[in-house]
Amino acid sequence: MKILADYHTHTIYSHGKGTIEDNVRVAISKGIETIGISDHSYGHLTYGIKKDDIFRMREEVDFLNEKYKNQIKILLGVESNILDDKGNIDYDEKMGKVLDYVMAGYHFGSKPTNLKGLLNHANNYVFKSKKSKDYNTLAIINAMKNNDIFVITHPGDKGDVYIEEIAKAAKETDTRLEINSSHKFLSVEQLKKIEPIGNTFIVGSDAHIPSNVGNFNLALNTIKESNIDLSRIENIKF
């Protein structure tokens, strides 16, 4: 197997344990062609980057691209938080000018835009009702429809979703779905449900320590058990 890219890695700018260069060096040592830096965006109450940091990160990525130009390509992304059922995410045009891509996912620590969103956090965390499942699904679908999102991260992880509806919207909007190698989502069951829809997937390490960059072990087991078409996984080559 050849890892073409790992787009989902975190650094000390959010709650990772290593620097951008630490992640880059590990990626080079593993023969990865492209490394993406995708820290949590500013709407995460605990782990979000500071708004101004994204511009420092851009300068750092540009410097490192020059330093390691013959060894690897480094991209700057962000893991935005899906904030409500209207599909709002913590992203703005100013950030967009310096980013190479945007990932988005639902997280408990995201700052809700209204009381309904706050209640949904509680519902997801405690009650896990059909109401929250409806809300979560609508939030992700609208996020894809209203924003230019490259990847939806670990769909269904923090709150249950109707994965078939999300997969259909992802197909319509040309959005990739992540098989996350730190969480069990997409799961084997989810992948089997959406197999006929024909989505494109990426594998993400979701590395929070540099040594886990490119660690796709969990995801590869999920892929093997689900028996999906390997050609639909965009960032690895078998």
C-alpha atoms as a PDB file:
ATOM      1  CA  MET A   1       0.000   0.000   0.000  1.00  0.00           C
ATOM      2  CA  LYS A   2       1.175   3.521  -0.836  1.00  0.00           C
ATOM      3  CA  ILE A   3      -0.050   6.512   1.183  1.00  0.00           C
ATOM      4  CA  LEU A   4      -0.580   9.324  -1.274  1.00  0.00           C
ATOM      5  CA  ALA A   5      -1.793  11.806   1.339  1.00  0.00           C
ATOM      6  CA  ASP A   6      -2.831  12.174   4.962  1.00  0.00           C
ATOM      7  CA  TYR A   7      -5.086  15.224   5.111  1.00  0.00           C
ATOM      8  CA  HIS A   8      -6.216  14.932   8.739  1.00  0.00           C
ATOM      9  CA  THR A   9      -3.461  15.783  11.232  1.00  0.00           C
ATOM     10  CA  HIS A  10      -3.374  18.087  14.256  1.00  0.00           C
ATOM     11  CA  THR A  11      -0.593  20.175  15.815  1.00  0.00           C
ATOM     12  CA  ILE A  12       0.095  22.311  18.860  1.00  0.00           C
ATOM     13  CA  TYR A  13      -1.972  25.053  17.234  1.00  0.00           C
ATOM     14  CA  SER A  14      -5.040  23.144  18.464  1.00  0.00           C
ATOM     15  CA  HIS A  15      -4.634  20.081  20.719  1.00  0.00           C
ATOM     16  CA  GLY A  16      -1.965  18.094  18.958  1.00  0.00           C
ATOM     17  CA  LYS A  17       1.357  17.341  20.651  1.00  0.00           C
ATOM     18  CA  GLY A  18       3.754  18.210  17.840  1.00  0.00           C
ATOM     19  CA  THR A  19       4.604  21.103  15.564  1.00  0.00           C
ATOM     20  CA  ILE A  20       3.781  21.323  11.884  1.00  0.00           C
ATOM     21  CA  GLU A  21       7.372  20.398  11.082  1.00  0.00           C
ATOM     22  CA  ASP A  22       7.196  17.394  13.412  1.00  0.00           C
ATOM     23  CA  ASN A  23       4.249  16.067  11.391  1.00  0.00           C
ATOM     24  CA  VAL A  24       6.059  16.803   8.147  1.00  0.00           C
ATOM     25  CA  ARG A  25       9.180  14.913   9.178  1.00  0.00           C
ATOM     26  CA  VAL A  26       7.201  11.819  10.159  1.00  0.00           C
ATOM     27  CA  ALA A  27       5.300  11.951   6.878  1.00  0.00           C
ATOM     28  CA  ILE A  28       8.576  12.095   4.953  1.00  0.00           C
ATOM     29  CA  SER A  29       9.975   9.153   6.913  1.00  0.00           C
ATOM     30  CA  LYS A  30       6.906   7.099   5.907  1.00  0.00           C
ATOM     31  CA  GLY A  31       7.117   8.015   2.240  1.00  0.00           C
ATOM     32  CA  ILE A  32       3.876  10.011   2.237  1.00  0.00           C
ATOM     33  CA  GLU A  33       3.585  12.287  -0.780  1.00  0.00           C
ATOM     34  CA  THR A  34       1.277  14.970   0.693  1.00  0.00           C
ATOM     35  CA  ILE A  35       0.692  15.973   4.307  1.00  0.00           C
ATOM     36  CA  GLY A  36      -2.261  18.113   5.353  1.00  0.00           C
ATOM     37  CA  ILE A  37      -2.379  20.182   8.531  1.00  0.00           C
ATOM     38  CA  SER A  38      -5.989  20.468   9.695  1.00  0.00           C
ATOM     39  CA  ASP A  39      -6.323  21.834  13.201  1.00  0.00           C
ATOM     40  CA  HIS A  40      -9.724  22.536  14.742  1.00  0.00           C
ATOM     41  CA  SER A  41     -11.148  25.858  13.651  1.00  0.00           C
ATOM     42  CA  TYR A  42     -11.824  28.736  16.023  1.00  0.00           C
ATOM     43  CA  GLY A  43     -15.425  27.723  16.873  1.00  0.00           C
ATOM     44  CA  HIS A  44     -14.284  24.893  19.114  1.00  0.00           C
ATOM     45  CA  LEU A  45     -14.511  26.137  22.696  1.00  0.00           C
ATOM     46  CA  THR A  46     -11.608  24.064  24.009  1.00  0.00           C
ATOM     47  CA  TYR A  47      -9.363  23.057  21.115  1.00  0.00           C
ATOM     48  CA  GLY A  48      -9.978  25.690  18.465  1.00  0.00           C
ATOM     49  CA  ILE A  49      -7.129  27.656  16.951  1.00  0.00           C
ATOM     50  CA  LYS A  50      -6.898  31.353  17.579  1.00  0.00           C
ATOM     51  CA  LYS A  51      -8.214  33.205  14.552  1.00  0.00           C
ATOM     52  CA  ASP A  52      -4.951  34.989  13.821  1.00  0.00           C
ATOM     53  CA  ASP A  53      -2.943  31.772  14.066  1.00  0.00           C
ATOM     54  CA  ILE A  54      -4.149  30.577  10.678  1.00  0.00           C
ATOM     55  CA  PHE A  55      -2.048  33.277   9.023  1.00  0.00           C
ATOM     56  CA  ARG A  56       1.035  32.290  11.040  1.00  0.00           C
ATOM     57  CA  MET A  57       0.390  28.710  10.027  1.00  0.00           C
ATOM     58  CA  ARG A  58       0.236  29.744   6.375  1.00  0.00           C
ATOM     59  CA  GLU A  59       3.635  31.395   6.657  1.00  0.00           C
ATOM     60  CA  GLU A  60       5.049  28.315   8.392  1.00  0.00           C
ATOM     61  CA  VAL A  61       3.635  25.947   5.774  1.00  0.00           C
ATOM     62  CA  ASP A  62       5.026  28.092   2.949  1.00  0.00           C
ATOM     63  CA  PHE A  63       8.460  28.104   4.600  1.00  0.00           C
ATOM     64  CA  LEU A  64       8.399  24.329   5.103  1.00  0.00           C
ATOM     65  CA  ASN A  65       7.228  23.720   1.536  1.00  0.00           C
ATOM     66  CA  GLU A  66      10.354  25.498   0.352  1.00  0.00           C
ATOM     67  CA  LYS A  67      12.556  23.673   2.868  1.00  0.00           C
ATOM     68  CA  TYR A  68      11.254  20.221   1.926  1.00  0.00           C
ATOM     69  CA  LYS A  69      10.240  20.935  -1.673  1.00  0.00           C
ATOM     70  CA  ASN A  70      11.960  17.866  -3.091  1.00  0.00           C
ATOM     71  CA  GLN A  71      10.533  15.500  -0.469  1.00  0.00           C
ATOM     72  CA  ILE A  72       6.872  16.253   0.207  1.00  0.00           C
ATOM     73  CA  LYS A  73       3.962  18.606  -0.491  1.00  0.00           C
ATOM     74  CA  ILE A  74       2.472  20.343   2.557  1.00  0.00           C
ATOM     75  CA  LEU A  75      -1.092  21.671   2.552  1.00  0.00           C
ATOM     76  CA  LEU A  76      -2.834  23.921   5.049  1.00  0.00           C
ATOM     77  CA  GLY A  77      -6.392  22.981   5.868  1.00  0.00           C
ATOM     78  CA  VAL A  78      -8.713  23.289   8.808  1.00  0.00           C
ATOM     79  CA  GLU A  79     -11.188  20.996  10.511  1.00  0.00           C
ATOM     80  CA  SER A  80     -14.174  23.286  10.784  1.00  0.00           C
ATOM     81  CA  ASN A  81     -16.964  22.635  13.255  1.00  0.00           C
ATOM     82  CA  ILE A  82     -20.525  22.187  12.023  1.00  0.00           C
ATOM     83  CA  LEU A  83     -22.373  24.596  14.281  1.00  0.00           C
ATOM     84  CA  ASP A  84     -26.089  24.169  13.596  1.00  0.00           C
ATOM     85  CA  ASP A  85     -28.753  22.540  11.453  1.00  0.00           C
ATOM     86  CA  LYS A  86     -28.539  25.366   8.919  1.00  0.00           C
ATOM     87  CA  GLY A  87     -25.071  24.111   8.060  1.00  0.00           C
ATOM     88  CA  ASN A  88     -23.079  27.044   9.418  1.00  0.00           C
ATOM     89  CA  ILE A  89     -19.408  26.293  10.050  1.00  0.00           C
ATOM     90  CA  ASP A  90     -16.631  28.296  11.730  1.00  0.00           C
ATOM     91  CA  TYR A  91     -15.033  29.538   8.541  1.00  0.00           C
ATOM     92  CA  ASP A  92     -14.849  32.920   6.850  1.00  0.00           C
ATOM     93  CA  GLU A  93     -13.616  34.382   3.579  1.00  0.00           C
ATOM     94  CA  LYS A  94     -10.499  35.830   5.190  1.00  0.00           C
ATOM     95  CA  MET A  95      -9.438  32.350   6.305  1.00  0.00           C
ATOM     96  CA  GLY A  96     -10.415  30.941   2.953  1.00  0.00           C
ATOM     97  CA  LYS A  97      -7.805  33.048   1.202  1.00  0.00           C
ATOM     98  CA  VAL A  98      -4.961  31.218   2.962  1.00  0.00           C
ATOM     99  CA  LEU A  99      -6.367  27.674   3.174  1.00  0.00           C
ATOM    100  CA  ASP A 100      -5.815  24.876   0.682  1.00  0.00           C
ATOM    101  CA  TYR A 101      -8.886  22.901   1.776  1.00  0.00           C
ATOM    102  CA  VAL A 102     -11.636  22.690   4.383  1.00  0.00           C
ATOM    103  CA  MET A 103     -12.713  19.630   6.330  1.00  0.00           C
ATOM    104  CA  ALA A 104     -15.797  19.746   8.531  1.00  0.00           C
ATOM    105  CA  GLY A 105     -17.258  17.597  11.274  1.00  0.00           C
ATOM    106  CA  TYR A 106     -19.453  17.677  14.338  1.00  0.00           C
ATOM    107  CA  HIS A 107     -17.781  17.989  17.753  1.00  0.00           C
ATOM    108  CA  PHE A 108     -19.235  18.337  21.246  1.00  0.00           C
ATOM    109  CA  GLY A 109     -16.974  21.300  21.940  1.00  0.00           C
ATOM    110  CA  SER A 110     -18.261  23.404  19.058  1.00  0.00           C
ATOM    111  CA  LYS A 111     -19.844  26.724  19.942  1.00  0.00           C
ATOM    112  CA  PRO A 112     -23.599  26.524  19.208  1.00  0.00           C
ATOM    113  CA  THR A 113     -25.200  29.425  17.366  1.00  0.00           C
ATOM    114  CA  ASN A 114     -28.458  29.227  19.315  1.00  0.00           C
ATOM    115  CA  LEU A 115     -30.272  27.452  22.152  1.00  0.00           C
ATOM    116  CA  LYS A 116     -31.467  24.709  19.817  1.00  0.00           C
ATOM    117  CA  GLY A 117     -27.876  23.825  19.008  1.00  0.00           C
ATOM    118  CA  LEU A 118     -26.939  23.792  22.692  1.00  0.00           C
ATOM    119  CA  LEU A 119     -29.819  21.444  23.475  1.00  0.00           C
ATOM    120  CA  ASN A 120     -28.707  19.201  20.623  1.00  0.00           C
ATOM    121  CA  HIS A 121     -25.252  18.903  22.194  1.00  0.00           C
ATOM    122  CA  ALA A 122     -26.928  17.640  25.369  1.00  0.00           C
ATOM    123  CA  ASN A 123     -29.213  15.358  23.392  1.00  0.00           C
ATOM    124  CA  ASN A 124     -26.267  13.794  21.542  1.00  0.00           C
ATOM    125  CA  TYR A 125     -24.246  13.373  24.701  1.00  0.00           C
ATOM    126  CA  VAL A 126     -26.950  12.055  27.026  1.00  0.00           C
ATOM    127  CA  PHE A 127     -30.191  10.958  25.376  1.00  0.00           C
ATOM    128  CA  LYS A 128     -29.146  10.094  21.804  1.00  0.00           C
ATOM    129  CA  SER A 129     -32.725  10.410  20.569  1.00  0.00           C
ATOM    130  CA  LYS A 130     -34.213  10.307  17.075  1.00  0.00           C
ATOM    131  CA  LYS A 131     -34.584  14.083  17.343  1.00  0.00           C
ATOM    132  CA  SER A 132     -30.835  14.515  17.633  1.00  0.00           C
ATOM    133  CA  LYS A 133     -30.272  12.073  14.767  1.00  0.00           C
ATOM    134  CA  ASP A 134     -32.549  14.165  12.552  1.00  0.00           C
ATOM    135  CA  TYR A 135     -30.759  17.360  13.605  1.00  0.00           C
ATOM    136  CA  ASN A 136     -27.267  15.941  13.069  1.00  0.00           C
ATOM    137  CA  THR A 137     -28.142  14.653   9.622  1.00  0.00           C
ATOM    138  CA  LEU A 138     -29.665  17.943   8.502  1.00  0.00           C
ATOM    139  CA  ALA A 139     -26.695  19.896   9.891  1.00  0.00           C
ATOM    140  CA  ILE A 140     -24.156  17.888   7.882  1.00  0.00           C
ATOM    141  CA  ILE A 141     -26.228  17.924   4.697  1.00  0.00           C
ATOM    142  CA  ASN A 142     -26.693  21.693   4.861  1.00  0.00           C
ATOM    143  CA  ALA A 143     -23.014  22.198   5.656  1.00  0.00           C
ATOM    144  CA  MET A 144     -22.135  20.407   2.413  1.00  0.00           C
ATOM    145  CA  LYS A 145     -24.731  22.320   0.411  1.00  0.00           C
ATOM    146  CA  ASN A 146     -23.782  25.744   1.764  1.00  0.00           C
ATOM    147  CA  ASN A 147     -19.974  25.478   1.900  1.00  0.00           C
ATOM    148  CA  ASP A 148     -17.115  24.226  -0.264  1.00  0.00           C
ATOM    149  CA  ILE A 149     -16.091  21.267   1.897  1.00  0.00           C
ATOM    150  CA  PHE A 150     -13.424  18.806   0.802  1.00  0.00           C
ATOM    151  CA  VAL A 151     -14.119  16.124   3.425  1.00  0.00           C
ATOM    152  CA  ILE A 152     -16.728  15.377   6.105  1.00  0.00           C
ATOM    153  CA  THR A 153     -14.751  13.995   9.035  1.00  0.00           C
ATOM    154  CA  HIS A 154     -15.822  10.905  11.015  1.00  0.00           C
ATOM    155  CA  PRO A 155     -19.567  11.164  10.164  1.00  0.00           C
ATOM    156  CA  GLY A 156     -21.708   9.708  12.932  1.00  0.00           C
ATOM    157  CA  ASP A 157     -18.974   9.716  15.558  1.00  0.00           C
ATOM    158  CA  LYS A 158     -20.191  12.257  18.122  1.00  0.00           C
ATOM    159  CA  GLY A 159     -23.849  12.079  17.139  1.00  0.00           C
ATOM    160  CA  ASP A 160     -25.821   9.471  15.216  1.00  0.00           C
ATOM    161  CA  VAL A 161     -26.843  10.229  11.622  1.00  0.00           C
ATOM    162  CA  TYR A 162     -28.814   8.785   8.739  1.00  0.00           C
ATOM    163  CA  ILE A 163     -25.709   7.883   6.812  1.00  0.00           C
ATOM    164  CA  GLU A 164     -27.498   7.091   3.552  1.00  0.00           C
ATOM    165  CA  GLU A 165     -28.896  10.638   3.380  1.00  0.00           C
ATOM    166  CA  ILE A 166     -25.471  12.120   4.094  1.00  0.00           C
ATOM    167  CA  ALA A 167     -23.867   9.892   1.462  1.00  0.00           C
ATOM    168  CA  LYS A 168     -26.398  11.010  -1.165  1.00  0.00           C
ATOM    169  CA  ALA A 169     -25.721  14.678  -0.388  1.00  0.00           C
ATOM    170  CA  ALA A 170     -21.961  14.051  -0.442  1.00  0.00           C
ATOM    171  CA  LYS A 171     -22.275  12.472  -3.872  1.00  0.00           C
ATOM    172  CA  GLU A 172     -24.311  15.429  -5.159  1.00  0.00           C
ATOM    173  CA  THR A 173     -21.878  18.019  -3.784  1.00  0.00           C
ATOM    174  CA  ASP A 174     -18.670  16.110  -4.654  1.00  0.00           C
ATOM    175  CA  THR A 175     -17.720  15.910  -0.976  1.00  0.00           C
ATOM    176  CA  ARG A 176     -15.539  13.086   0.270  1.00  0.00           C
ATOM    177  CA  LEU A 177     -16.417  11.064   3.359  1.00  0.00           C
ATOM    178  CA  GLU A 178     -13.681  10.130   5.791  1.00  0.00           C
ATOM    179  CA  ILE A 179     -12.815   6.674   7.056  1.00  0.00           C
ATOM    180  CA  ASN A 180     -11.179   7.874  10.241  1.00  0.00           C
ATOM    181  CA  SER A 181      -8.348   5.818  11.707  1.00  0.00           C
ATOM    182  CA  SER A 182      -8.657   7.187  15.246  1.00  0.00           C
ATOM    183  CA  HIS A 183     -12.428   6.738  15.542  1.00  0.00           C
ATOM    184  CA  LYS A 184     -14.607   3.903  14.255  1.00  0.00           C
ATOM    185  CA  PHE A 185     -16.437   6.106  11.762  1.00  0.00           C
ATOM    186  CA  LEU A 186     -17.127   5.584   9.011  1.00  0.00           C
ATOM    187  CA  SER A 187     -17.867   2.130  10.399  1.00  0.00           C
ATOM    188  CA  VAL A 188     -18.126  -1.189   8.597  1.00  0.00           C
ATOM    189  CA  GLU A 189     -21.914  -1.067   8.970  1.00  0.00           C
ATOM    190  CA  GLN A 190     -22.083   2.458   7.542  1.00  0.00           C
ATOM    191  CA  LEU A 191     -19.887   1.580   4.576  1.00  0.00           C
ATOM    192  CA  LYS A 192     -21.981  -1.433   3.715  1.00  0.00           C
ATOM    193  CA  LYS A 193     -25.161   0.682   3.845  1.00  0.00           C
ATOM    194  CA  ILE A 194     -23.865   3.346   1.466  1.00  0.00           C
ATOM    195  CA  GLU A 195     -21.842   1.139  -0.884  1.00  0.00           C
ATOM    196  CA  PRO A 196     -24.389   1.366  -3.753  1.00  0.00           C
ATOM    197  CA  ILE A 197     -24.319   5.192  -3.694  1.00  0.00           C
ATOM    198  CA  GLY A 198     -20.776   5.285  -5.089  1.00  0.00           C
ATOM    199  CA  ASN A 199     -19.129   7.841  -2.825  1.00  0.00           C
ATOM    200  CA  THR A 200     -15.486   8.864  -2.874  1.00  0.00           C
ATOM    201  CA  PHE A 201     -13.626   8.345   0.403  1.00  0.00           C
ATOM    202  CA  ILE A 202     -10.424   9.451   2.042  1.00  0.00           C
ATOM    203  CA  VAL A 203      -8.613   7.767   4.916  1.00  0.00           C
ATOM    204  CA  GLY A 204      -7.513  10.105   7.704  1.00  0.00           C
ATOM    205  CA  SER A 205      -5.150   9.336  10.556  1.00  0.00           C
ATOM    206  CA  ASP A 206      -6.608  12.135  12.722  1.00  0.00           C
ATOM    207  CA  ALA A 207      -3.136  12.153  14.254  1.00  0.00           C
ATOM    208  CA  HIS A 208      -2.737  14.112  17.475  1.00  0.00           C
ATOM    209  CA  ILE A 209       0.852  13.019  17.988  1.00  0.00           C
ATOM    210  CA  PRO A 210       3.410  13.099  15.162  1.00  0.00           C
ATOM    211  CA  SER A 211       4.115   9.364  15.270  1.00  0.00           C
ATOM    212  CA  ASN A 212       0.498   8.652  14.266  1.00  0.00           C
ATOM    213  CA  VAL A 213       0.742  10.587  10.997  1.00  0.00           C
ATOM    214  CA  GLY A 214      -0.057   8.063   8.274  1.00  0.00           C
ATOM    215  CA  ASN A 215      -1.266   5.464  10.779  1.00  0.00           C
ATOM    216  CA  PHE A 216      -4.219   3.991   8.896  1.00  0.00           C
ATOM    217  CA  ASN A 217      -4.369   0.609  10.661  1.00  0.00           C
ATOM    218  CA  LEU A 218      -7.882   0.931  12.084  1.00  0.00           C
ATOM    219  CA  ALA A 219      -9.239   2.364   8.850  1.00  0.00           C
ATOM    220  CA  LEU A 220      -7.632  -0.365   6.759  1.00  0.00           C
ATOM    221  CA  ASN A 221      -9.288  -3.032   8.897  1.00  0.00           C
ATOM    222  CA  THR A 222     -12.617  -1.251   8.404  1.00  0.00           C
ATOM    223  CA  ILE A 223     -12.051  -1.123   4.652  1.00  0.00           C
ATOM    224  CA  LYS A 224     -11.182  -4.816   4.536  1.00  0.00           C
ATOM    225  CA  GLU A 225     -14.258  -5.876   6.525  1.00  0.00           C
ATOM    226  CA  SER A 226     -16.634  -3.685   4.531  1.00  0.00           C
ATOM    227  CA  ASN A 227     -15.302  -4.965   1.195  1.00  0.00           C
ATOM    228  CA  ILE A 228     -15.745  -1.613  -0.562  1.00  0.00           C
ATOM    229  CA  ASP A 229     -14.214  -0.873  -3.963  1.00  0.00           C
ATOM    230  CA  LEU A 230     -10.638   0.190  -3.182  1.00  0.00           C
ATOM    231  CA  SER A 231     -10.514   2.479  -6.215  1.00  0.00           C
ATOM    232  CA  ARG A 232     -12.964   4.800  -4.442  1.00  0.00           C
ATOM    233  CA  ILE A 233     -10.443   5.614  -1.707  1.00  0.00           C
ATOM    234  CA  GLU A 234      -8.708   8.666  -3.070  1.00  0.00           C
ATOM    235  CA  ASN A 235      -5.556   8.994  -0.975  1.00  0.00           C
ATOM    236  CA  ILE A 236      -4.110   5.490  -0.865  1.00  0.00           C
ATOM    237  CA  LYS A 237      -2.956   3.164  -3.619  1.00  0.00           C
ATOM    238  CA  PHE A 238      -3.039  -0.618  -3.306  1.00  0.00           C
END
